[in-house]
Amino acid sequence: MIVVMNKFNIKNEFVDEFIERWKNRNSYLSSVDGFVEFHLLKASPETNYCVVSSFVKWQNFKSFENWTKSNEFKKAHANAGETAHMHFKNANLEIYEVVI
């Protein structure tokens, strides 16, 4: 099992709007083989930004890789550029193996 986290550094004034966009979007994840669960995490705000992380658990790396090549992935990310002004700096993708 793996966990894939995409850490977004969102300007403080846009955090609530960014989270609302995630609440109202169709991720298509539930229709993808190997998808286990999704959460959106919010850290305590820093001076200029707040880290908001997507947390997705997958059965294995191949399932995640297949997702990134799927039509569902393309549809889920079609409007990603609309939030560019909300970002304080670039997002950071991290992949973890679940060991316990």
PDB file of N, CA and C in Angstrom:
ATOM      1  N   MET A   1       0.849  -1.171   0.000  1.00  0.00           N
ATOM      2  CA  MET A   1       0.000   0.000   0.000  1.00  0.00           C
ATOM      3  C   MET A   1       0.897   1.237   0.000  1.00  0.00           C
ATOM      4  N   ILE A   2       0.442   2.290  -0.690  1.00  0.00           N
ATOM      5  CA  ILE A   2       1.186   3.552  -0.708  1.00  0.00           C
ATOM      6  C   ILE A   2       0.254   4.717  -0.388  1.00  0.00           C
ATOM      7  N   VAL A   3       0.861   5.814   0.047  1.00  0.00           N
ATOM      8  CA  VAL A   3       0.165   7.078   0.252  1.00  0.00           C
ATOM      9  C   VAL A   3       0.848   8.109  -0.634  1.00  0.00           C
ATOM     10  N   VAL A   4       0.038   8.828  -1.401  1.00  0.00           N
ATOM     11  CA  VAL A   4       0.545   9.895  -2.262  1.00  0.00           C
ATOM     12  C   VAL A   4       0.008  11.209  -1.717  1.00  0.00           C
ATOM     13  N   MET A   5       0.931  12.118  -1.417  1.00  0.00           N
ATOM     14  CA  MET A   5       0.538  13.420  -0.887  1.00  0.00           C
ATOM     15  C   MET A   5       1.051  14.510  -1.808  1.00  0.00           C
ATOM     16  N   ASN A   6       0.164  15.413  -2.154  1.00  0.00           N
ATOM     17  CA  ASN A   6       0.542  16.586  -2.927  1.00  0.00           C
ATOM     18  C   ASN A   6       0.377  17.777  -1.993  1.00  0.00           C
ATOM     19  N   LYS A   7       1.486  18.401  -1.641  1.00  0.00           N
ATOM     20  CA  LYS A   7       1.468  19.497  -0.674  1.00  0.00           C
ATOM     21  C   LYS A   7       1.427  20.826  -1.412  1.00  0.00           C
ATOM     22  N   PHE A   8       0.322  21.546  -1.219  1.00  0.00           N
ATOM     23  CA  PHE A   8       0.106  22.843  -1.853  1.00  0.00           C
ATOM     24  C   PHE A   8       0.383  23.945  -0.836  1.00  0.00           C
ATOM     25  N   ASN A   9       1.156  24.933  -1.214  1.00  0.00           N
ATOM     26  CA  ASN A   9       1.461  26.081  -0.358  1.00  0.00           C
ATOM     27  C   ASN A   9       0.560  27.231  -0.798  1.00  0.00           C
ATOM     28  N   ILE A  10      -0.537  27.417  -0.073  1.00  0.00           N
ATOM     29  CA  ILE A  10      -1.591  28.345  -0.480  1.00  0.00           C
ATOM     30  C   ILE A  10      -1.507  29.640   0.326  1.00  0.00           C
ATOM     31  N   LYS A  11      -1.565  30.765  -0.384  1.00  0.00           N
ATOM     32  CA  LYS A  11      -1.567  32.068   0.287  1.00  0.00           C
ATOM     33  C   LYS A  11      -2.721  32.100   1.283  1.00  0.00           C
ATOM     34  N   ASN A  12      -2.462  32.614   2.461  1.00  0.00           N
ATOM     35  CA  ASN A  12      -3.451  32.581   3.542  1.00  0.00           C
ATOM     36  C   ASN A  12      -4.816  33.120   3.138  1.00  0.00           C
ATOM     37  N   GLU A  13      -4.848  34.167   2.332  1.00  0.00           N
ATOM     38  CA  GLU A  13      -6.135  34.769   1.971  1.00  0.00           C
ATOM     39  C   GLU A  13      -6.962  33.897   1.022  1.00  0.00           C
ATOM     40  N   PHE A  14      -6.376  32.833   0.482  1.00  0.00           N
ATOM     41  CA  PHE A  14      -7.089  31.968  -0.461  1.00  0.00           C
ATOM     42  C   PHE A  14      -7.361  30.562   0.075  1.00  0.00           C
ATOM     43  N   VAL A  15      -6.953  30.280   1.303  1.00  0.00           N
ATOM     44  CA  VAL A  15      -7.065  28.919   1.832  1.00  0.00           C
ATOM     45  C   VAL A  15      -8.505  28.418   1.813  1.00  0.00           C
ATOM     46  N   ASP A  16      -9.445  29.194   2.324  1.00  0.00           N
ATOM     47  CA  ASP A  16     -10.842  28.744   2.372  1.00  0.00           C
ATOM     48  C   ASP A  16     -11.393  28.494   0.971  1.00  0.00           C
ATOM     49  N   GLU A  17     -11.087  29.377   0.038  1.00  0.00           N
ATOM     50  CA  GLU A  17     -11.556  29.208  -1.342  1.00  0.00           C
ATOM     51  C   GLU A  17     -10.936  27.965  -1.985  1.00  0.00           C
ATOM     52  N   PHE A  18      -9.656  27.735  -1.734  1.00  0.00           N
ATOM     53  CA  PHE A  18      -8.968  26.562  -2.274  1.00  0.00           C
ATOM     54  C   PHE A  18      -9.626  25.278  -1.763  1.00  0.00           C
ATOM     55  N   ILE A  19      -9.907  25.234  -0.472  1.00  0.00           N
ATOM     56  CA  ILE A  19     -10.550  24.054   0.125  1.00  0.00           C
ATOM     57  C   ILE A  19     -11.946  23.862  -0.451  1.00  0.00           C
ATOM     58  N   GLU A  20     -12.703  24.929  -0.624  1.00  0.00           N
ATOM     59  CA  GLU A  20     -14.038  24.828  -1.221  1.00  0.00           C
ATOM     60  C   GLU A  20     -13.982  24.247  -2.628  1.00  0.00           C
ATOM     61  N   ARG A  21     -12.994  24.656  -3.403  1.00  0.00           N
ATOM     62  CA  ARG A  21     -12.841  24.101  -4.756  1.00  0.00           C
ATOM     63  C   ARG A  21     -12.643  22.590  -4.694  1.00  0.00           C
ATOM     64  N   TRP A  22     -11.857  22.132  -3.731  1.00  0.00           N
ATOM     65  CA  TRP A  22     -11.640  20.692  -3.585  1.00  0.00           C
ATOM     66  C   TRP A  22     -12.928  19.992  -3.146  1.00  0.00           C
ATOM     67  N   LYS A  23     -13.688  20.613  -2.270  1.00  0.00           N
ATOM     68  CA  LYS A  23     -14.948  20.016  -1.811  1.00  0.00           C
ATOM     69  C   LYS A  23     -15.939  19.856  -2.953  1.00  0.00           C
ATOM     70  N   ASN A  24     -15.924  20.798  -3.881  1.00  0.00           N
ATOM     71  CA  ASN A  24     -16.933  20.831  -4.943  1.00  0.00           C
ATOM     72  C   ASN A  24     -16.485  20.216  -6.261  1.00  0.00           C
ATOM     73  N   ARG A  25     -15.291  19.673  -6.330  1.00  0.00           N
ATOM     74  CA  ARG A  25     -14.813  19.107  -7.592  1.00  0.00           C
ATOM     75  C   ARG A  25     -15.063  17.601  -7.627  1.00  0.00           C
ATOM     76  N   ASN A  26     -15.147  17.074  -8.828  1.00  0.00           N
ATOM     77  CA  ASN A  26     -15.246  15.635  -8.998  1.00  0.00           C
ATOM     78  C   ASN A  26     -13.844  15.113  -9.259  1.00  0.00           C
ATOM     79  N   SER A  27     -13.329  14.312  -8.346  1.00  0.00           N
ATOM     80  CA  SER A  27     -11.970  13.794  -8.491  1.00  0.00           C
ATOM     81  C   SER A  27     -11.928  12.526  -9.335  1.00  0.00           C
ATOM     82  N   TYR A  28     -13.061  11.856  -9.471  1.00  0.00           N
ATOM     83  CA  TYR A  28     -13.165  10.592 -10.210  1.00  0.00           C
ATOM     84  C   TYR A  28     -12.362   9.465  -9.564  1.00  0.00           C
ATOM     85  N   LEU A  29     -11.808   9.684  -8.391  1.00  0.00           N
ATOM     86  CA  LEU A  29     -10.967   8.675  -7.759  1.00  0.00           C
ATOM     87  C   LEU A  29     -11.723   7.393  -7.445  1.00  0.00           C
ATOM     88  N   SER A  30     -12.948   7.509  -6.995  1.00  0.00           N
ATOM     89  CA  SER A  30     -13.686   6.320  -6.567  1.00  0.00           C
ATOM     90  C   SER A  30     -13.940   5.329  -7.694  1.00  0.00           C
ATOM     91  N   SER A  31     -13.785   5.767  -8.938  1.00  0.00           N
ATOM     92  CA  SER A  31     -14.003   4.865 -10.073  1.00  0.00           C
ATOM     93  C   SER A  31     -12.707   4.219 -10.569  1.00  0.00           C
ATOM     94  N   VAL A  32     -11.594   4.487  -9.900  1.00  0.00           N
ATOM     95  CA  VAL A  32     -10.292   3.999 -10.357  1.00  0.00           C
ATOM     96  C   VAL A  32      -9.873   2.770  -9.554  1.00  0.00           C
ATOM     97  N   ASP A  33      -9.463   1.714 -10.262  1.00  0.00           N
ATOM     98  CA  ASP A  33      -8.981   0.501  -9.599  1.00  0.00           C
ATOM     99  C   ASP A  33      -7.782   0.819  -8.716  1.00  0.00           C
ATOM    100  N   GLY A  34      -7.797   0.287  -7.514  1.00  0.00           N
ATOM    101  CA  GLY A  34      -6.680   0.455  -6.595  1.00  0.00           C
ATOM    102  C   GLY A  34      -6.806   1.631  -5.653  1.00  0.00           C
ATOM    103  N   PHE A  35      -7.791   2.508  -5.877  1.00  0.00           N
ATOM    104  CA  PHE A  35      -8.012   3.640  -4.978  1.00  0.00           C
ATOM    105  C   PHE A  35      -8.564   3.124  -3.658  1.00  0.00           C
ATOM    106  N   VAL A  36      -8.032   3.626  -2.535  1.00  0.00           N
ATOM    107  CA  VAL A  36      -8.484   3.196  -1.213  1.00  0.00           C
ATOM    108  C   VAL A  36      -9.208   4.324  -0.489  1.00  0.00           C
ATOM    109  N   GLU A  37      -8.548   5.474  -0.318  1.00  0.00           N
ATOM    110  CA  GLU A  37      -9.195   6.583   0.387  1.00  0.00           C
ATOM    111  C   GLU A  37      -8.523   7.910   0.062  1.00  0.00           C
ATOM    112  N   PHE A  38      -9.274   8.985   0.298  1.00  0.00           N
ATOM    113  CA  PHE A  38      -8.798  10.346   0.049  1.00  0.00           C
ATOM    114  C   PHE A  38      -9.124  11.226   1.245  1.00  0.00           C
ATOM    115  N   HIS A  39      -8.201  12.120   1.570  1.00  0.00           N
ATOM    116  CA  HIS A  39      -8.425  13.160   2.578  1.00  0.00           C
ATOM    117  C   HIS A  39      -7.728  14.431   2.106  1.00  0.00           C
ATOM    118  N   LEU A  40      -8.256  15.572   2.493  1.00  0.00           N
ATOM    119  CA  LEU A  40      -7.578  16.846   2.277  1.00  0.00           C
ATOM    120  C   LEU A  40      -7.187  17.360   3.657  1.00  0.00           C
ATOM    121  N   LEU A  41      -5.910  17.638   3.848  1.00  0.00           N
ATOM    122  CA  LEU A  41      -5.370  18.023   5.144  1.00  0.00           C
ATOM    123  C   LEU A  41      -4.939  19.486   5.127  1.00  0.00           C
ATOM    124  N   LYS A  42      -5.164  20.159   6.243  1.00  0.00           N
ATOM    125  CA  LYS A  42      -4.774  21.571   6.368  1.00  0.00           C
ATOM    126  C   LYS A  42      -3.880  21.716   7.590  1.00  0.00           C
ATOM    127  N   ALA A  43      -2.682  22.266   7.383  1.00  0.00           N
ATOM    128  CA  ALA A  43      -1.750  22.516   8.482  1.00  0.00           C
ATOM    129  C   ALA A  43      -2.060  23.867   9.122  1.00  0.00           C
ATOM    130  N   SER A  44      -1.403  24.138  10.230  1.00  0.00           N
ATOM    131  CA  SER A  44      -1.510  25.466  10.838  1.00  0.00           C
ATOM    132  C   SER A  44      -0.861  26.474   9.904  1.00  0.00           C
ATOM    133  N   PRO A  45      -1.460  27.650   9.752  1.00  0.00           N
ATOM    134  CA  PRO A  45      -0.915  28.644   8.820  1.00  0.00           C
ATOM    135  C   PRO A  45       0.478  29.129   9.213  1.00  0.00           C
ATOM    136  N   GLU A  46       1.296  29.370   8.204  1.00  0.00           N
ATOM    137  CA  GLU A  46       2.589  30.038   8.375  1.00  0.00           C
ATOM    138  C   GLU A  46       2.331  31.539   8.208  1.00  0.00           C
ATOM    139  N   THR A  47       3.365  32.346   8.162  1.00  0.00           N
ATOM    140  CA  THR A  47       3.214  33.794   8.037  1.00  0.00           C
ATOM    141  C   THR A  47       2.497  34.190   6.751  1.00  0.00           C
ATOM    142  N   ASN A  48       2.901  33.630   5.607  1.00  0.00           N
ATOM    143  CA  ASN A  48       2.355  34.035   4.311  1.00  0.00           C
ATOM    144  C   ASN A  48       1.513  32.977   3.614  1.00  0.00           C
ATOM    145  N   TYR A  49       1.551  31.752   4.100  1.00  0.00           N
ATOM    146  CA  TYR A  49       0.855  30.669   3.409  1.00  0.00           C
ATOM    147  C   TYR A  49       0.464  29.567   4.387  1.00  0.00           C
ATOM    148  N   CYS A  50      -0.346  28.663   3.878  1.00  0.00           N
ATOM    149  CA  CYS A  50      -0.771  27.498   4.639  1.00  0.00           C
ATOM    150  C   CYS A  50      -0.583  26.271   3.747  1.00  0.00           C
ATOM    151  N   VAL A  51      -0.056  25.200   4.313  1.00  0.00           N
ATOM    152  CA  VAL A  51       0.095  23.965   3.546  1.00  0.00           C
ATOM    153  C   VAL A  51      -1.229  23.208   3.594  1.00  0.00           C
ATOM    154  N   VAL A  52      -1.750  22.927   2.412  1.00  0.00           N
ATOM    155  CA  VAL A  52      -2.946  22.099   2.257  1.00  0.00           C
ATOM    156  C   VAL A  52      -2.508  20.897   1.431  1.00  0.00           C
ATOM    157  N   SER A  53      -2.707  19.693   1.973  1.00  0.00           N
ATOM    158  CA  SER A  53      -2.196  18.490   1.319  1.00  0.00           C
ATOM    159  C   SER A  53      -3.315  17.540   0.940  1.00  0.00           C
ATOM    160  N   SER A  54      -3.231  17.044  -0.275  1.00  0.00           N
ATOM    161  CA  SER A  54      -4.112  15.941  -0.647  1.00  0.00           C
ATOM    162  C   SER A  54      -3.427  14.656  -0.194  1.00  0.00           C
ATOM    163  N   PHE A  55      -4.197  13.754   0.366  1.00  0.00           N
ATOM    164  CA  PHE A  55      -3.705  12.484   0.898  1.00  0.00           C
ATOM    165  C   PHE A  55      -4.507  11.397   0.213  1.00  0.00           C
ATOM    166  N   VAL A  56      -3.853  10.597  -0.611  1.00  0.00           N
ATOM    167  CA  VAL A  56      -4.558   9.527  -1.319  1.00  0.00           C
ATOM    168  C   VAL A  56      -3.854   8.212  -1.043  1.00  0.00           C
ATOM    169  N   LYS A  57      -4.615   7.250  -0.549  1.00  0.00           N
ATOM    170  CA  LYS A  57      -4.072   5.916  -0.301  1.00  0.00           C
ATOM    171  C   LYS A  57      -4.436   5.019  -1.481  1.00  0.00           C
ATOM    172  N   TRP A  58      -3.428   4.291  -1.969  1.00  0.00           N
ATOM    173  CA  TRP A  58      -3.576   3.380  -3.104  1.00  0.00           C
ATOM    174  C   TRP A  58      -3.161   1.974  -2.689  1.00  0.00           C
ATOM    175  N   GLN A  59      -3.741   0.965  -3.337  1.00  0.00           N
ATOM    176  CA  GLN A  59      -3.367  -0.421  -3.046  1.00  0.00           C
ATOM    177  C   GLN A  59      -1.905  -0.687  -3.377  1.00  0.00           C
ATOM    178  N   ASN A  60      -1.402  -0.026  -4.429  1.00  0.00           N
ATOM    179  CA  ASN A  60      -0.005  -0.216  -4.833  1.00  0.00           C
ATOM    180  C   ASN A  60       0.408   0.923  -5.769  1.00  0.00           C
ATOM    181  N   PHE A  61       1.699   0.984  -6.066  1.00  0.00           N
ATOM    182  CA  PHE A  61       2.209   2.053  -6.917  1.00  0.00           C
ATOM    183  C   PHE A  61       1.645   1.960  -8.326  1.00  0.00           C
ATOM    184  N   LYS A  62       1.464   0.755  -8.835  1.00  0.00           N
ATOM    185  CA  LYS A  62       0.937   0.572 -10.192  1.00  0.00           C
ATOM    186  C   LYS A  62      -0.453   1.204 -10.314  1.00  0.00           C
ATOM    187  N   SER A  63      -1.281   1.085  -9.299  1.00  0.00           N
ATOM    188  CA  SER A  63      -2.619   1.700  -9.317  1.00  0.00           C
ATOM    189  C   SER A  63      -2.513   3.214  -9.431  1.00  0.00           C
ATOM    190  N   PHE A  64      -1.608   3.807  -8.655  1.00  0.00           N
ATOM    191  CA  PHE A  64      -1.387   5.254  -8.741  1.00  0.00           C
ATOM    192  C   PHE A  64      -0.881   5.638 -10.126  1.00  0.00           C
ATOM    193  N   GLU A  65       0.080   4.896 -10.623  1.00  0.00           N
ATOM    194  CA  GLU A  65       0.646   5.182 -11.941  1.00  0.00           C
ATOM    195  C   GLU A  65      -0.430   5.105 -13.027  1.00  0.00           C
ATOM    196  N   ASN A  66      -1.281   4.088 -12.954  1.00  0.00           N
ATOM    197  CA  ASN A  66      -2.381   3.959 -13.918  1.00  0.00           C
ATOM    198  C   ASN A  66      -3.328   5.151 -13.833  1.00  0.00           C
ATOM    199  N   TRP A  67      -3.591   5.622 -12.624  1.00  0.00           N
ATOM    200  CA  TRP A  67      -4.450   6.789 -12.412  1.00  0.00           C
ATOM    201  C   TRP A  67      -3.881   8.006 -13.133  1.00  0.00           C
ATOM    202  N   THR A  68      -2.562   8.214 -13.030  1.00  0.00           N
ATOM    203  CA  THR A  68      -1.956   9.403 -13.639  1.00  0.00           C
ATOM    204  C   THR A  68      -2.002   9.369 -15.166  1.00  0.00           C
ATOM    205  N   LYS A  69      -2.250   8.198 -15.733  1.00  0.00           N
ATOM    206  CA  LYS A  69      -2.323   8.054 -17.196  1.00  0.00           C
ATOM    207  C   LYS A  69      -3.761   7.939 -17.701  1.00  0.00           C
ATOM    208  N   SER A  70      -4.721   8.038 -16.794  1.00  0.00           N
ATOM    209  CA  SER A  70      -6.123   7.788 -17.138  1.00  0.00           C
ATOM    210  C   SER A  70      -6.860   9.039 -17.608  1.00  0.00           C
ATOM    211  N   ASN A  71      -7.975   8.821 -18.291  1.00  0.00           N
ATOM    212  CA  ASN A  71      -8.861   9.925 -18.674  1.00  0.00           C
ATOM    213  C   ASN A  71      -9.458  10.594 -17.442  1.00  0.00           C
ATOM    214  N   GLU A  72      -9.699   9.807 -16.383  1.00  0.00           N
ATOM    215  CA  GLU A  72     -10.236  10.361 -15.145  1.00  0.00           C
ATOM    216  C   GLU A  72      -9.271  11.393 -14.551  1.00  0.00           C
ATOM    217  N   PHE A  73      -7.978  11.084 -14.600  1.00  0.00           N
ATOM    218  CA  PHE A  73      -6.958  12.015 -14.106  1.00  0.00           C
ATOM    219  C   PHE A  73      -6.999  13.316 -14.903  1.00  0.00           C
ATOM    220  N   LYS A  74      -7.065  13.192 -16.224  1.00  0.00           N
ATOM    221  CA  LYS A  74      -7.116  14.382 -17.083  1.00  0.00           C
ATOM    222  C   LYS A  74      -8.344  15.229 -16.770  1.00  0.00           C
ATOM    223  N   LYS A  75      -9.495  14.571 -16.578  1.00  0.00           N
ATOM    224  CA  LYS A  75     -10.723  15.309 -16.262  1.00  0.00           C
ATOM    225  C   LYS A  75     -10.622  15.980 -14.889  1.00  0.00           C
ATOM    226  N   ALA A  76     -10.076  15.271 -13.911  1.00  0.00           N
ATOM    227  CA  ALA A  76      -9.973  15.807 -12.552  1.00  0.00           C
ATOM    228  C   ALA A  76      -9.047  17.016 -12.476  1.00  0.00           C
ATOM    229  N   HIS A  77      -8.061  17.081 -13.366  1.00  0.00           N
ATOM    230  CA  HIS A  77      -7.077  18.162 -13.336  1.00  0.00           C
ATOM    231  C   HIS A  77      -7.277  19.199 -14.440  1.00  0.00           C
ATOM    232  N   ALA A  78      -8.379  19.115 -15.148  1.00  0.00           N
ATOM    233  CA  ALA A  78      -8.625  20.000 -16.296  1.00  0.00           C
ATOM    234  C   ALA A  78      -8.610  21.480 -15.922  1.00  0.00           C
ATOM    235  N   ASN A  79      -9.061  21.819 -14.717  1.00  0.00           N
ATOM    236  CA  ASN A  79      -9.148  23.225 -14.302  1.00  0.00           C
ATOM    237  C   ASN A  79      -8.080  23.615 -13.282  1.00  0.00           C
ATOM    238  N   ALA A  80      -7.039  22.818 -13.169  1.00  0.00           N
ATOM    239  CA  ALA A  80      -6.014  23.061 -12.142  1.00  0.00           C
ATOM    240  C   ALA A  80      -5.364  24.433 -12.276  1.00  0.00           C
ATOM    241  N   GLY A  81      -5.193  24.932 -13.474  1.00  0.00           N
ATOM    242  CA  GLY A  81      -4.555  26.230 -13.684  1.00  0.00           C
ATOM    243  C   GLY A  81      -5.334  27.401 -13.125  1.00  0.00           C
ATOM    244  N   GLU A  82      -6.613  27.197 -12.857  1.00  0.00           N
ATOM    245  CA  GLU A  82      -7.453  28.283 -12.340  1.00  0.00           C
ATOM    246  C   GLU A  82      -7.070  28.716 -10.929  1.00  0.00           C
ATOM    247  N   THR A  83      -6.296  27.891 -10.228  1.00  0.00           N
ATOM    248  CA  THR A  83      -5.908  28.239  -8.859  1.00  0.00           C
ATOM    249  C   THR A  83      -4.465  28.730  -8.763  1.00  0.00           C
ATOM    250  N   ALA A  84      -3.806  28.934  -9.890  1.00  0.00           N
ATOM    251  CA  ALA A  84      -2.386  29.322  -9.879  1.00  0.00           C
ATOM    252  C   ALA A  84      -2.132  30.573  -9.035  1.00  0.00           C
ATOM    253  N   HIS A  85      -3.040  31.532  -9.065  1.00  0.00           N
ATOM    254  CA  HIS A  85      -2.862  32.775  -8.300  1.00  0.00           C
ATOM    255  C   HIS A  85      -2.947  32.560  -6.789  1.00  0.00           C
ATOM    256  N   MET A  86      -3.466  31.411  -6.361  1.00  0.00           N
ATOM    257  CA  MET A  86      -3.614  31.115  -4.943  1.00  0.00           C
ATOM    258  C   MET A  86      -2.335  30.556  -4.320  1.00  0.00           C
ATOM    259  N   HIS A  87      -1.439  30.068  -5.159  1.00  0.00           N
ATOM    260  CA  HIS A  87      -0.244  29.379  -4.672  1.00  0.00           C
ATOM    261  C   HIS A  87       0.858  30.355  -4.283  1.00  0.00           C
ATOM    262  N   PHE A  88       1.443  30.107  -3.106  1.00  0.00           N
ATOM    263  CA  PHE A  88       2.581  30.893  -2.629  1.00  0.00           C
ATOM    264  C   PHE A  88       3.869  30.408  -3.287  1.00  0.00           C
ATOM    265  N   LYS A  89       3.981  29.094  -3.452  1.00  0.00           N
ATOM    266  CA  LYS A  89       5.099  28.475  -4.170  1.00  0.00           C
ATOM    267  C   LYS A  89       4.611  27.147  -4.737  1.00  0.00           C
ATOM    268  N   ASN A  90       5.452  26.490  -5.510  1.00  0.00           N
ATOM    269  CA  ASN A  90       5.048  25.267  -6.203  1.00  0.00           C
ATOM    270  C   ASN A  90       4.665  24.151  -5.241  1.00  0.00           C
ATOM    271  N   ALA A  91       3.780  23.295  -5.709  1.00  0.00           N
ATOM    272  CA  ALA A  91       3.362  22.127  -4.937  1.00  0.00           C
ATOM    273  C   ALA A  91       4.500  21.110  -4.896  1.00  0.00           C
ATOM    274  N   ASN A  92       4.410  20.209  -3.933  1.00  0.00           N
ATOM    275  CA  ASN A  92       5.432  19.186  -3.752  1.00  0.00           C
ATOM    276  C   ASN A  92       4.750  17.827  -3.638  1.00  0.00           C
ATOM    277  N   LEU A  93       5.038  16.929  -4.565  1.00  0.00           N
ATOM    278  CA  LEU A  93       4.461  15.584  -4.563  1.00  0.00           C
ATOM    279  C   LEU A  93       5.372  14.653  -3.779  1.00  0.00           C
ATOM    280  N   GLU A  94       4.782  13.898  -2.841  1.00  0.00           N
ATOM    281  CA  GLU A  94       5.538  12.937  -2.043  1.00  0.00           C
ATOM    282  C   GLU A  94       4.809  11.606  -2.064  1.00  0.00           C
ATOM    283  N   ILE A  95       5.569  10.525  -2.193  1.00  0.00           N
ATOM    284  CA  ILE A  95       5.000   9.179  -2.232  1.00  0.00           C
ATOM    285  C   ILE A  95       5.636   8.368  -1.110  1.00  0.00           C
ATOM    286  N   TYR A  96       4.786   7.734  -0.301  1.00  0.00           N
ATOM    287  CA  TYR A  96       5.234   6.954   0.840  1.00  0.00           C
ATOM    288  C   TYR A  96       4.741   5.520   0.720  1.00  0.00           C
ATOM    289  N   GLU A  97       5.565   4.593   1.130  1.00  0.00           N
ATOM    290  CA  GLU A  97       5.136   3.206   1.263  1.00  0.00           C
ATOM    291  C   GLU A  97       4.593   3.032   2.679  1.00  0.00           C
ATOM    292  N   VAL A  98       3.431   2.411   2.807  1.00  0.00           N
ATOM    293  CA  VAL A  98       2.868   2.128   4.121  1.00  0.00           C
ATOM    294  C   VAL A  98       3.605   0.904   4.666  1.00  0.00           C
ATOM    295  N   VAL A  99       4.254   1.059   5.809  1.00  0.00           N
ATOM    296  CA  VAL A  99       5.061  -0.032   6.356  1.00  0.00           C
ATOM    297  C   VAL A  99       4.455  -0.669   7.603  1.00  0.00           C
ATOM    298  N   ILE A 100       3.556   0.026   8.268  1.00  0.00           N
ATOM    299  CA  ILE A 100       2.863  -0.547   9.433  1.00  0.00           C
ATOM    300  C   ILE A 100       1.389  -0.227   9.306  1.00  0.00           C
TER     301      ILE A 100
END
